[in-house]
N, C-alpha and C. Protein backbone atom coordinates (compact mmCIF):
# COMPACT_ATOMS: atom_id res chain seq x y z
N MET A 1 -24.89 -29.20 -38.89
CA MET A 1 -24.30 -28.12 -37.99
C MET A 1 -25.39 -27.27 -37.59
N LYS A 2 -26.13 -27.23 -38.55
CA LYS A 2 -27.23 -26.04 -38.45
C LYS A 2 -28.54 -26.91 -37.33
N LYS A 3 -28.25 -28.34 -37.64
CA LYS A 3 -29.02 -28.83 -36.77
C LYS A 3 -28.95 -28.80 -35.41
N VAL A 4 -27.57 -28.88 -35.43
CA VAL A 4 -26.80 -28.93 -33.97
C VAL A 4 -26.93 -28.03 -32.65
N LEU A 5 -27.29 -26.39 -33.88
CA LEU A 5 -27.07 -25.25 -33.51
C LEU A 5 -28.55 -24.93 -32.99
N SER A 6 -29.44 -25.55 -33.56
CA SER A 6 -30.82 -25.61 -33.45
C SER A 6 -31.09 -25.88 -32.17
N ARG A 7 -30.32 -26.83 -31.32
CA ARG A 7 -30.38 -27.65 -30.37
C ARG A 7 -29.96 -26.95 -29.12
N LEU A 8 -29.47 -26.17 -28.96
CA LEU A 8 -28.59 -25.67 -28.24
C LEU A 8 -29.57 -24.02 -27.57
N GLU A 9 -29.73 -24.33 -26.10
CA GLU A 9 -30.50 -23.32 -25.60
C GLU A 9 -29.59 -22.26 -24.45
N TYR A 10 -30.11 -21.01 -24.94
CA TYR A 10 -29.34 -20.24 -23.77
C TYR A 10 -29.80 -20.30 -22.48
N ASN A 11 -30.06 -21.66 -21.77
CA ASN A 11 -30.51 -21.87 -20.53
C ASN A 11 -30.66 -20.69 -19.11
N SER A 12 -29.52 -20.36 -19.27
CA SER A 12 -29.11 -19.06 -17.82
C SER A 12 -28.89 -18.03 -18.40
N PRO A 13 -29.70 -17.30 -19.01
CA PRO A 13 -29.24 -15.99 -19.50
C PRO A 13 -28.45 -14.83 -18.53
N VAL A 14 -28.82 -14.90 -17.16
CA VAL A 14 -27.73 -13.91 -16.44
C VAL A 14 -26.47 -14.74 -16.35
N THR A 15 -26.65 -15.85 -16.22
CA THR A 15 -25.18 -16.43 -15.91
C THR A 15 -24.43 -16.61 -17.27
N LEU A 16 -25.22 -16.83 -18.58
CA LEU A 16 -24.12 -16.76 -19.68
C LEU A 16 -23.58 -15.13 -19.96
N THR A 17 -24.80 -14.63 -19.67
CA THR A 17 -24.58 -13.07 -20.10
C THR A 17 -23.14 -12.47 -19.29
N PHE A 18 -23.21 -12.98 -17.87
CA PHE A 18 -22.29 -12.79 -16.93
C PHE A 18 -21.04 -13.06 -17.60
N ALA A 19 -20.49 -14.60 -18.17
CA ALA A 19 -19.67 -14.50 -18.24
C ALA A 19 -19.67 -14.57 -19.88
N ILE A 20 -20.25 -13.80 -20.78
CA ILE A 20 -19.73 -13.19 -22.17
C ILE A 20 -19.01 -11.87 -21.82
N ILE A 21 -19.86 -10.96 -20.86
CA ILE A 21 -19.20 -9.49 -20.24
C ILE A 21 -17.74 -9.89 -19.94
N SER A 22 -17.40 -11.06 -19.33
CA SER A 22 -16.40 -10.91 -18.41
C SER A 22 -15.67 -11.30 -19.51
N LEU A 23 -15.36 -12.24 -20.35
CA LEU A 23 -14.63 -12.37 -21.43
C LEU A 23 -14.21 -11.24 -22.62
N VAL A 24 -15.31 -10.76 -22.08
CA VAL A 24 -14.85 -9.44 -23.29
C VAL A 24 -14.02 -8.96 -22.72
N ALA A 25 -14.47 -8.41 -21.03
CA ALA A 25 -13.96 -7.52 -20.51
C ALA A 25 -12.14 -8.01 -20.32
N LEU A 26 -11.84 -9.00 -20.69
CA LEU A 26 -10.57 -9.82 -20.33
C LEU A 26 -10.06 -9.62 -21.70
N ILE A 27 -10.77 -9.89 -22.88
CA ILE A 27 -10.07 -9.44 -24.61
C ILE A 27 -9.53 -8.45 -24.12
N LEU A 28 -10.75 -7.18 -23.80
CA LEU A 28 -10.09 -5.84 -24.16
C LEU A 28 -8.84 -5.63 -23.56
N GLY A 29 -8.59 -6.12 -22.25
CA GLY A 29 -7.90 -5.98 -21.12
C GLY A 29 -6.42 -6.45 -22.01
N ASN A 30 -6.33 -7.33 -22.35
CA ASN A 30 -5.18 -7.93 -23.68
C ASN A 30 -4.80 -6.88 -24.14
N LEU A 31 -6.33 -6.81 -25.32
CA LEU A 31 -5.74 -5.54 -26.26
C LEU A 31 -5.01 -4.44 -25.82
N THR A 32 -5.47 -4.27 -24.63
CA THR A 32 -4.98 -2.75 -24.26
C THR A 32 -3.78 -2.47 -23.24
N GLY A 33 -3.21 -4.00 -23.18
CA GLY A 33 -2.37 -3.82 -22.14
C GLY A 33 -2.70 -3.48 -20.80
N GLY A 34 -3.95 -4.05 -20.79
CA GLY A 34 -4.49 -3.80 -19.18
C GLY A 34 -4.90 -2.21 -19.00
N LYS A 35 -5.51 -1.45 -19.84
CA LYS A 35 -5.72 -0.35 -19.40
C LYS A 35 -7.14 -0.09 -19.55
N SER A 36 -7.87 -1.00 -19.91
CA SER A 36 -9.34 -1.17 -20.01
C SER A 36 -9.66 -1.80 -18.95
N THR A 37 -8.73 -2.84 -18.40
CA THR A 37 -8.94 -3.58 -17.19
C THR A 37 -9.17 -2.33 -15.85
N THR A 38 -8.14 -1.43 -15.67
CA THR A 38 -7.98 -0.46 -14.79
C THR A 38 -8.68 0.47 -15.06
N LEU A 39 -9.24 1.05 -16.16
CA LEU A 39 -9.97 2.02 -16.30
C LEU A 39 -11.66 1.60 -15.65
N LEU A 40 -11.92 0.40 -16.19
CA LEU A 40 -13.46 -0.07 -15.90
C LEU A 40 -13.20 -1.54 -15.44
N PHE A 41 -12.60 -1.86 -15.28
CA PHE A 41 -12.96 -3.15 -14.49
C PHE A 41 -12.10 -3.70 -13.21
N CYS A 42 -11.58 -2.44 -12.58
CA CYS A 42 -10.79 -2.97 -11.70
C CYS A 42 -11.53 -1.74 -10.53
N VAL A 43 -11.45 -1.92 -9.33
CA VAL A 43 -12.07 -0.97 -8.55
C VAL A 43 -11.03 -0.77 -7.26
N TYR A 44 -10.57 0.38 -6.68
CA TYR A 44 -9.25 0.80 -6.48
C TYR A 44 -9.87 2.13 -5.54
N PRO A 45 -8.95 2.55 -4.26
CA PRO A 45 -9.28 3.47 -4.16
C PRO A 45 -9.25 5.01 -4.83
N SER A 46 -10.33 5.81 -5.06
CA SER A 46 -10.41 6.99 -6.09
C SER A 46 -11.56 7.87 -5.84
N GLY A 47 -11.10 9.11 -6.08
CA GLY A 47 -12.33 9.86 -5.90
C GLY A 47 -13.56 9.92 -6.93
N PHE A 48 -14.42 10.39 -5.95
CA PHE A 48 -15.72 10.37 -6.33
C PHE A 48 -16.17 11.25 -7.48
N ASP A 49 -15.03 12.38 -7.70
CA ASP A 49 -15.20 13.40 -9.05
C ASP A 49 -14.82 12.52 -10.06
N ASP A 50 -14.36 11.18 -10.14
CA ASP A 50 -14.22 10.35 -11.39
C ASP A 50 -15.06 9.79 -11.59
N PRO A 51 -15.57 10.14 -13.08
CA PRO A 51 -17.08 9.36 -13.38
C PRO A 51 -16.75 8.13 -13.28
N PHE A 52 -15.77 7.65 -13.46
CA PHE A 52 -15.38 5.87 -14.04
C PHE A 52 -15.42 5.30 -12.69
N THR A 53 -15.38 6.14 -11.50
CA THR A 53 -15.72 5.53 -10.16
C THR A 53 -16.63 4.77 -9.81
N TYR A 54 -17.85 5.15 -10.37
CA TYR A 54 -19.26 4.58 -10.41
C TYR A 54 -19.53 3.46 -11.14
N PHE A 55 -18.80 3.25 -11.98
CA PHE A 55 -18.77 2.01 -13.33
C PHE A 55 -17.87 1.37 -12.47
N ARG A 56 -16.73 1.42 -11.99
CA ARG A 56 -16.11 0.70 -11.49
C ARG A 56 -16.58 -0.20 -10.02
N LEU A 57 -17.54 0.33 -9.29
CA LEU A 57 -18.21 -0.11 -8.15
C LEU A 57 -18.80 -1.22 -8.70
N PHE A 58 -19.17 -1.39 -9.82
CA PHE A 58 -20.36 -2.62 -10.28
C PHE A 58 -19.26 -3.46 -11.08
N GLY A 59 -18.39 -2.94 -12.15
CA GLY A 59 -17.65 -3.46 -13.19
C GLY A 59 -16.84 -4.26 -12.48
N HIS A 60 -16.19 -4.09 -11.59
CA HIS A 60 -14.96 -4.85 -11.37
C HIS A 60 -15.23 -6.41 -11.26
N VAL A 61 -16.47 -6.96 -10.97
CA VAL A 61 -16.71 -8.09 -10.60
C VAL A 61 -16.55 -9.20 -12.48
N PHE A 62 -16.39 -8.10 -13.18
CA PHE A 62 -16.19 -8.33 -15.02
C PHE A 62 -14.78 -8.70 -15.03
N GLY A 63 -14.02 -8.03 -14.45
CA GLY A 63 -12.47 -8.07 -14.77
C GLY A 63 -12.05 -9.35 -14.23
N HIS A 64 -11.01 -9.52 -14.89
CA HIS A 64 -10.06 -10.75 -14.34
C HIS A 64 -8.49 -10.79 -14.93
N SER A 65 -7.53 -10.93 -13.99
CA SER A 65 -6.06 -10.60 -14.36
C SER A 65 -5.54 -11.51 -15.74
N ASN A 66 -6.12 -12.43 -15.86
CA ASN A 66 -5.69 -13.45 -16.73
C ASN A 66 -6.64 -14.60 -17.19
N LEU A 67 -6.43 -15.45 -17.92
CA LEU A 67 -7.31 -16.62 -18.61
C LEU A 67 -7.53 -17.38 -17.16
N GLU A 68 -6.59 -17.92 -16.42
CA GLU A 68 -6.80 -18.99 -15.56
C GLU A 68 -7.79 -18.09 -14.73
N HIS A 69 -7.73 -17.16 -14.38
CA HIS A 69 -8.33 -16.33 -13.29
C HIS A 69 -9.98 -16.45 -13.67
N TYR A 70 -9.75 -15.78 -14.75
CA TYR A 70 -11.22 -16.27 -15.48
C TYR A 70 -11.99 -17.56 -15.56
N LEU A 71 -11.29 -18.20 -15.65
CA LEU A 71 -11.49 -19.84 -15.89
C LEU A 71 -11.83 -20.39 -14.80
N ASN A 72 -11.12 -19.98 -13.68
CA ASN A 72 -11.41 -20.44 -12.39
C ASN A 72 -12.68 -20.28 -11.70
N ASN A 73 -13.63 -18.88 -12.15
CA ASN A 73 -14.02 -18.10 -11.37
C ASN A 73 -15.74 -19.01 -12.46
N MET A 74 -15.50 -18.63 -13.57
CA MET A 74 -16.65 -19.19 -14.77
C MET A 74 -16.91 -20.58 -14.25
N MET A 75 -15.81 -21.59 -13.94
CA MET A 75 -16.54 -22.88 -13.33
C MET A 75 -17.49 -23.01 -12.43
N MET A 76 -17.22 -22.05 -11.35
CA MET A 76 -17.99 -22.25 -10.36
C MET A 76 -19.28 -21.37 -10.44
N ILE A 77 -19.52 -20.47 -11.37
CA ILE A 77 -20.29 -19.29 -11.69
C ILE A 77 -21.19 -20.60 -12.88
N PHE A 78 -20.89 -21.09 -13.52
CA PHE A 78 -21.49 -21.94 -14.43
C PHE A 78 -21.90 -23.34 -13.72
N LEU A 79 -21.35 -23.76 -12.72
CA LEU A 79 -21.82 -24.80 -12.03
C LEU A 79 -23.07 -24.12 -10.78
N MET A 80 -22.81 -23.15 -10.18
CA MET A 80 -23.78 -22.49 -9.59
C MET A 80 -24.86 -21.56 -9.77
N GLY A 81 -24.60 -20.68 -10.99
CA GLY A 81 -25.46 -19.69 -11.63
C GLY A 81 -26.56 -20.54 -12.14
N PRO A 82 -26.71 -21.42 -12.92
CA PRO A 82 -28.01 -22.17 -13.43
C PRO A 82 -29.13 -22.61 -12.06
N ILE A 83 -28.47 -23.18 -11.54
CA ILE A 83 -29.52 -23.63 -10.18
C ILE A 83 -29.82 -22.29 -9.17
N VAL A 84 -28.99 -21.28 -9.03
CA VAL A 84 -29.45 -19.93 -8.55
C VAL A 84 -30.47 -18.89 -9.31
N GLU A 85 -30.36 -19.27 -10.60
CA GLU A 85 -31.32 -18.35 -11.57
C GLU A 85 -32.56 -19.21 -12.10
N GLU A 86 -32.42 -20.36 -11.85
CA GLU A 86 -33.74 -21.01 -11.84
C GLU A 86 -34.46 -21.02 -10.31
N LYS A 87 -33.88 -21.36 -9.52
CA LYS A 87 -34.60 -20.75 -8.09
C LYS A 87 -35.11 -19.23 -7.47
N TYR A 88 -34.39 -18.70 -7.90
CA TYR A 88 -34.80 -16.97 -7.88
C TYR A 88 -35.21 -16.11 -8.53
N GLY A 89 -35.02 -16.77 -9.88
CA GLY A 89 -35.13 -16.04 -11.30
C GLY A 89 -34.34 -14.88 -11.92
N GLY A 90 -34.07 -14.59 -13.04
CA GLY A 90 -33.02 -13.85 -13.15
C GLY A 90 -32.86 -12.46 -12.82
N ARG A 91 -34.21 -11.77 -12.83
CA ARG A 91 -34.03 -10.12 -12.48
C ARG A 91 -33.73 -10.26 -11.14
N LEU A 92 -34.15 -11.02 -10.12
CA LEU A 92 -34.00 -11.04 -8.86
C LEU A 92 -32.23 -11.31 -8.41
N LEU A 93 -31.49 -12.24 -9.74
CA LEU A 93 -30.40 -12.79 -9.51
C LEU A 93 -29.55 -11.38 -9.96
N VAL A 94 -30.07 -10.92 -10.86
CA VAL A 94 -29.05 -9.30 -11.63
C VAL A 94 -28.87 -8.41 -10.18
N PHE A 95 -29.99 -8.45 -9.75
CA PHE A 95 -30.14 -7.46 -8.66
C PHE A 95 -28.96 -7.89 -7.28
N MET A 96 -28.76 -9.31 -6.76
CA MET A 96 -28.29 -9.86 -5.79
C MET A 96 -27.12 -9.76 -6.37
N MET A 97 -26.49 -9.78 -7.67
CA MET A 97 -25.12 -9.64 -8.15
C MET A 97 -24.71 -8.18 -8.18
N ALA A 98 -25.75 -7.05 -8.25
CA ALA A 98 -25.42 -6.11 -8.46
C ALA A 98 -24.90 -5.11 -7.12
N VAL A 99 -25.86 -5.99 -5.55
CA VAL A 99 -25.74 -5.20 -4.50
C VAL A 99 -24.43 -6.21 -4.29
N THR A 100 -24.31 -7.04 -4.25
CA THR A 100 -22.72 -8.01 -3.84
C THR A 100 -21.74 -6.87 -4.52
N ALA A 101 -21.70 -6.75 -5.67
CA ALA A 101 -20.83 -5.77 -6.48
C ALA A 101 -20.40 -4.66 -6.23
N PHE A 102 -21.73 -3.79 -5.62
CA PHE A 102 -21.47 -2.51 -5.32
C PHE A 102 -20.94 -2.82 -3.39
N ILE A 103 -21.29 -3.73 -2.61
CA ILE A 103 -20.99 -3.88 -1.77
C ILE A 103 -19.28 -4.38 -1.24
N THR A 104 -19.04 -5.11 -2.14
CA THR A 104 -17.44 -5.44 -2.22
C THR A 104 -16.64 -4.16 -2.64
N GLY A 105 -17.40 -3.60 -3.83
CA GLY A 105 -16.57 -2.59 -4.32
C GLY A 105 -16.44 -1.72 -3.19
N ILE A 106 -17.28 -0.91 -2.76
CA ILE A 106 -17.26 0.12 -1.08
C ILE A 106 -16.32 -0.22 -0.65
N ALA A 107 -16.43 -1.92 0.08
CA ALA A 107 -15.78 -1.99 0.91
C ALA A 107 -14.08 -2.03 0.83
N ASN A 108 -13.78 -2.40 -0.44
CA ASN A 108 -12.27 -2.25 -1.15
C ASN A 108 -11.86 -1.07 -0.75
N MET A 109 -12.87 0.21 -1.51
CA MET A 109 -12.39 1.20 -1.61
C MET A 109 -11.70 2.10 -0.12
N VAL A 110 -12.75 1.32 0.70
CA VAL A 110 -12.67 2.35 2.19
C VAL A 110 -11.70 1.36 2.98
N PHE A 111 -11.66 0.27 2.89
CA PHE A 111 -10.50 -0.68 3.55
C PHE A 111 -9.44 -0.90 3.27
N PHE A 112 -9.04 -1.05 2.04
CA PHE A 112 -7.93 -1.04 1.47
C PHE A 112 -7.40 -0.44 0.46
N ASP A 113 -5.85 -0.57 0.14
CA ASP A 113 -5.52 0.43 -0.79
C ASP A 113 -4.61 -0.16 -2.00
N GLN A 114 -5.50 -1.13 -2.30
CA GLN A 114 -5.33 -2.00 -3.75
C GLN A 114 -6.26 -2.12 -4.59
N GLY A 115 -5.91 -2.63 -5.77
CA GLY A 115 -6.87 -2.99 -6.73
C GLY A 115 -7.45 -4.27 -6.55
N LEU A 116 -8.94 -4.40 -6.57
CA LEU A 116 -10.11 -5.51 -6.89
C LEU A 116 -10.72 -5.89 -8.16
N LEU A 117 -10.27 -6.78 -8.43
CA LEU A 117 -11.29 -7.32 -9.93
C LEU A 117 -11.56 -8.87 -9.73
N GLY A 118 -12.49 -9.14 -10.43
CA GLY A 118 -12.67 -10.60 -10.54
C GLY A 118 -14.29 -10.80 -9.85
N ALA A 119 -14.52 -12.20 -10.14
CA ALA A 119 -15.94 -12.55 -9.88
C ALA A 119 -15.99 -13.63 -8.57
N SER A 120 -14.92 -13.65 -7.58
CA SER A 120 -15.02 -14.36 -6.75
C SER A 120 -15.86 -14.26 -5.81
N GLY A 121 -16.56 -12.64 -5.52
CA GLY A 121 -17.61 -12.25 -4.80
C GLY A 121 -18.76 -12.80 -4.99
N ILE A 122 -19.07 -12.49 -6.32
CA ILE A 122 -20.27 -13.18 -7.35
C ILE A 122 -19.96 -14.99 -6.82
N VAL A 123 -19.11 -15.50 -6.55
CA VAL A 123 -18.81 -16.61 -6.63
C VAL A 123 -19.35 -17.49 -5.08
N PHE A 124 -19.01 -16.37 -4.44
CA PHE A 124 -19.31 -16.77 -3.14
C PHE A 124 -20.74 -16.68 -2.69
N LEU A 125 -21.38 -15.61 -3.32
CA LEU A 125 -22.96 -15.46 -3.38
C LEU A 125 -23.63 -16.62 -3.77
N LEU A 126 -23.05 -16.76 -5.49
CA LEU A 126 -23.79 -18.16 -5.52
C LEU A 126 -23.71 -19.80 -4.64
N ILE A 127 -22.17 -19.68 -4.16
CA ILE A 127 -22.37 -20.76 -3.69
C ILE A 127 -23.28 -20.46 -2.23
N VAL A 128 -23.46 -19.39 -1.78
CA VAL A 128 -24.25 -19.72 -0.17
C VAL A 128 -25.91 -19.59 -0.84
N LEU A 129 -25.84 -19.10 -1.86
CA LEU A 129 -27.59 -18.48 -2.51
C LEU A 129 -27.86 -20.21 -3.04
N ALA A 130 -26.87 -20.98 -3.56
CA ALA A 130 -27.33 -22.38 -3.72
C ALA A 130 -27.71 -23.61 -2.51
N ALA A 131 -27.07 -22.97 -1.78
CA ALA A 131 -27.08 -24.04 -0.32
C ALA A 131 -28.48 -23.05 0.48
N THR A 132 -29.21 -22.02 0.35
CA THR A 132 -30.51 -21.70 0.75
C THR A 132 -30.92 -21.88 -0.09
N THR A 133 -31.15 -22.65 -0.84
CA THR A 133 -32.27 -23.09 -1.87
C THR A 133 -33.20 -23.98 -1.15
N SER A 134 -32.43 -24.74 -0.25
CA SER A 134 -33.64 -25.88 0.21
C SER A 134 -33.84 -25.21 1.61
N ILE A 135 -33.88 -23.93 2.17
CA ILE A 135 -34.73 -23.63 3.16
C ILE A 135 -36.31 -23.67 3.19
N LYS A 136 -36.87 -24.16 3.92
CA LYS A 136 -38.37 -24.03 4.29
C LYS A 136 -39.01 -23.74 5.23
N GLY A 137 -39.50 -22.65 5.55
CA GLY A 137 -40.06 -21.90 6.73
C GLY A 137 -39.30 -21.72 7.32
N ASP A 138 -38.98 -22.15 8.89
CA ASP A 138 -38.07 -21.47 9.90
C ASP A 138 -37.11 -22.76 9.72
N LYS A 139 -37.20 -23.97 9.36
CA LYS A 139 -35.94 -24.66 9.44
C LYS A 139 -34.64 -24.32 8.69
N ILE A 140 -33.84 -24.57 9.41
CA ILE A 140 -32.16 -24.44 9.00
C ILE A 140 -31.50 -25.63 8.14
N PRO A 141 -31.41 -25.31 6.62
CA PRO A 141 -30.75 -26.84 6.43
C PRO A 141 -29.09 -27.31 6.98
N ILE A 142 -29.12 -28.39 7.08
CA ILE A 142 -27.77 -28.49 7.59
C ILE A 142 -26.64 -28.29 6.33
N THR A 143 -27.07 -28.39 5.24
CA THR A 143 -26.07 -28.42 4.13
C THR A 143 -25.79 -26.81 4.42
N LEU A 144 -26.68 -25.84 4.42
CA LEU A 144 -26.34 -24.45 4.67
C LEU A 144 -24.98 -24.24 5.42
N ILE A 145 -25.32 -24.69 6.85
CA ILE A 145 -24.47 -24.64 7.95
C ILE A 145 -22.99 -24.88 7.18
N LEU A 146 -23.28 -26.12 6.78
CA LEU A 146 -21.76 -26.56 6.65
C LEU A 146 -21.08 -25.93 5.60
N VAL A 147 -21.90 -25.64 4.64
CA VAL A 147 -21.15 -24.60 3.20
C VAL A 147 -20.70 -22.97 4.23
N LEU A 148 -21.48 -22.46 5.01
CA LEU A 148 -20.82 -21.42 5.89
C LEU A 148 -19.62 -22.00 6.90
N VAL A 149 -19.67 -22.89 7.21
CA VAL A 149 -18.36 -23.04 8.03
C VAL A 149 -17.43 -23.42 7.22
N PHE A 150 -17.59 -24.27 6.09
CA PHE A 150 -16.33 -24.64 4.97
C PHE A 150 -15.84 -23.75 4.58
N TYR A 151 -16.80 -22.81 3.55
CA TYR A 151 -16.42 -21.97 2.70
C TYR A 151 -15.94 -20.68 3.47
N LEU A 152 -17.00 -20.09 3.91
CA LEU A 152 -16.30 -19.07 5.16
C LEU A 152 -15.30 -18.75 5.81
N GLY A 153 -15.26 -20.03 6.83
CA GLY A 153 -14.85 -20.33 7.79
C GLY A 153 -12.86 -20.51 7.08
N GLU A 154 -12.78 -21.14 5.84
CA GLU A 154 -11.76 -21.27 5.27
C GLU A 154 -11.46 -20.01 4.86
N GLN A 155 -11.80 -18.94 4.09
CA GLN A 155 -11.49 -17.66 4.04
C GLN A 155 -11.27 -17.05 5.33
N ILE A 156 -12.17 -16.70 5.86
CA ILE A 156 -11.71 -16.28 7.18
C ILE A 156 -10.19 -16.62 8.08
N TYR A 157 -9.78 -17.73 7.81
CA TYR A 157 -8.68 -18.73 8.30
C TYR A 157 -7.79 -17.63 7.57
N SER A 158 -8.14 -18.41 5.91
CA SER A 158 -6.82 -17.75 4.98
C SER A 158 -6.55 -15.91 5.12
N GLY A 159 -7.48 -15.37 5.74
CA GLY A 159 -7.36 -13.93 5.37
C GLY A 159 -6.53 -13.94 6.34
N LEU A 160 -6.76 -14.45 7.73
CA LEU A 160 -5.99 -14.04 8.63
C LEU A 160 -4.21 -14.83 8.63
N PHE A 161 -4.19 -16.04 8.43
CA PHE A 161 -2.94 -16.97 8.29
C PHE A 161 -2.02 -16.51 7.20
N THR A 162 -2.79 -16.16 5.77
CA THR A 162 -2.12 -16.39 4.40
C THR A 162 -1.84 -14.93 3.98
N LYS A 163 -0.68 -14.73 3.10
CA LYS A 163 -0.44 -13.58 2.22
C LYS A 163 -0.38 -14.07 0.95
N ASP A 164 -1.57 -13.54 0.36
CA ASP A 164 -1.39 -13.97 -1.00
C ASP A 164 -2.12 -12.58 -1.97
N ASN A 165 -2.19 -12.79 -2.88
CA ASN A 165 -3.08 -11.95 -3.69
C ASN A 165 -4.80 -12.04 -3.85
N ILE A 166 -5.28 -13.06 -3.02
CA ILE A 166 -6.70 -13.22 -3.15
C ILE A 166 -7.18 -12.37 -2.16
N SER A 167 -8.59 -11.72 -2.59
CA SER A 167 -9.22 -11.09 -1.24
C SER A 167 -9.93 -12.06 -0.97
N GLN A 168 -9.73 -12.53 0.34
CA GLN A 168 -10.71 -12.92 1.06
C GLN A 168 -11.83 -12.47 1.67
N PHE A 169 -11.38 -11.25 2.08
CA PHE A 169 -12.51 -10.19 2.51
C PHE A 169 -13.38 -10.46 1.32
N THR A 170 -13.71 -10.38 -0.20
CA THR A 170 -14.57 -9.99 -1.12
C THR A 170 -15.38 -11.63 -0.75
N HIS A 171 -14.58 -12.40 -0.97
CA HIS A 171 -15.12 -13.84 -0.58
C HIS A 171 -15.97 -13.73 0.32
N ILE A 172 -15.64 -13.00 1.86
CA ILE A 172 -16.80 -13.34 2.96
C ILE A 172 -17.76 -12.60 2.93
N LEU A 173 -17.75 -11.16 2.06
CA LEU A 173 -18.78 -10.21 1.88
C LEU A 173 -19.90 -10.96 1.00
N GLY A 174 -19.09 -11.55 0.02
CA GLY A 174 -20.11 -12.02 -1.15
C GLY A 174 -20.99 -13.32 -0.09
N GLY A 175 -20.10 -14.45 0.57
CA GLY A 175 -20.97 -15.35 1.40
C GLY A 175 -21.83 -14.86 2.18
N ILE A 176 -21.88 -13.30 2.60
CA ILE A 176 -22.53 -12.89 3.62
C ILE A 176 -23.72 -12.24 3.08
N CYS A 177 -23.46 -11.69 2.05
CA CYS A 177 -24.44 -11.28 0.76
C CYS A 177 -25.39 -12.51 0.53
N GLY A 178 -25.16 -13.54 0.23
CA GLY A 178 -25.67 -14.60 -0.34
C GLY A 178 -26.52 -15.22 0.42
N TRP A 179 -26.04 -15.33 1.97
CA TRP A 179 -26.58 -16.00 3.13
C TRP A 179 -27.80 -14.78 3.60
N LEU A 180 -27.42 -13.56 3.32
CA LEU A 180 -28.65 -12.60 3.63
C LEU A 180 -29.90 -12.83 2.83
N PHE A 181 -29.44 -12.77 1.60
CA PHE A 181 -30.46 -12.48 0.63
C PHE A 181 -31.18 -13.54 0.49
N GLY A 182 -30.50 -15.37 0.75
CA GLY A 182 -30.91 -16.23 0.46
C GLY A 182 -32.32 -16.45 1.70
N THR A 183 -31.73 -16.12 2.83
CA THR A 183 -32.62 -16.56 3.92
C THR A 183 -33.73 -15.35 3.95
N LEU A 184 -33.88 -14.17 3.66
CA LEU A 184 -34.76 -13.61 3.53
C LEU A 184 -35.57 -13.79 2.30
N ILE A 185 -35.43 -14.31 1.62
CA ILE A 185 -36.19 -14.46 0.15
C ILE A 185 -36.77 -15.92 0.61
N MET A 186 -36.30 -16.79 0.91
CA MET A 186 -36.97 -17.97 1.42
C MET A 186 -37.88 -17.99 2.15
N LYS A 187 -37.49 -17.21 3.67
CA LYS A 187 -38.44 -16.81 4.37
C LYS A 187 -39.90 -16.11 4.16
N LYS A 188 -39.24 -15.08 2.93
CA LYS A 188 -40.54 -14.27 2.53
C LYS A 188 -41.17 -15.32 1.67
N ARG A 189 -40.92 -16.31 1.02
CA ARG A 189 -41.47 -16.82 -0.23
C ARG A 189 -42.54 -18.22 0.79
N ALA A 190 -41.84 -18.53 1.97
CA ALA A 190 -42.57 -19.22 3.08
C ALA A 190 -43.75 -19.20 3.48
N ALA A 191 -43.47 -17.52 3.94
CA ALA A 191 -44.69 -16.62 4.65
C ALA A 191 -46.02 -16.35 3.70
N LYS A 192 -45.43 -16.04 2.41
CA LYS A 192 -46.85 -16.12 1.25
C LYS A 192 -47.22 -17.44 1.53
N SER A 193 -46.77 -18.26 1.14
CA SER A 193 -47.27 -19.86 0.66
C SER A 193 -47.92 -20.07 1.91
N GLU A 194 -47.95 -19.70 3.22
CA GLU A 194 -49.10 -19.97 4.34
C GLU A 194 -50.56 -19.59 3.96
């Protein structure tokens, strides 16, 4: 057993740590009957005089309503996270995740009168960031265009015509953040290498 464990590698620290924090948040939520989730891991319209509001603006991406919600998000994060983390680096990925969490949290507080929790905005950030990894110079990869059309187009359609508990707005914002970060960073790197 020790030999097997010694072969394991914590290969994507940001991705794996994100998943662990989210799992701890889910367990805490189950143990407290959802009170810790509402207090820390769900963003909703609240006053800025509440000190927890500031934490929730970032912490909502760690909250999940149940195990199925958690597993669905983590499956995509485990697929995309290591690719993006290797390409952009851990520190930059943490920054992009934090900015995306903040933007989706503020947008939810301003435009919607309901709670928001879950990592789906981060999932869409990662999906689009993974598609931007092949940007070279001023060339636009067709795969990036297809990801934007398929994923974001489907979310726009669902947001307009489907009534469910899924925040397509958050998915769209996460994808836009991924596109902006990805194109800006890859263009900057291409300019440096010239």
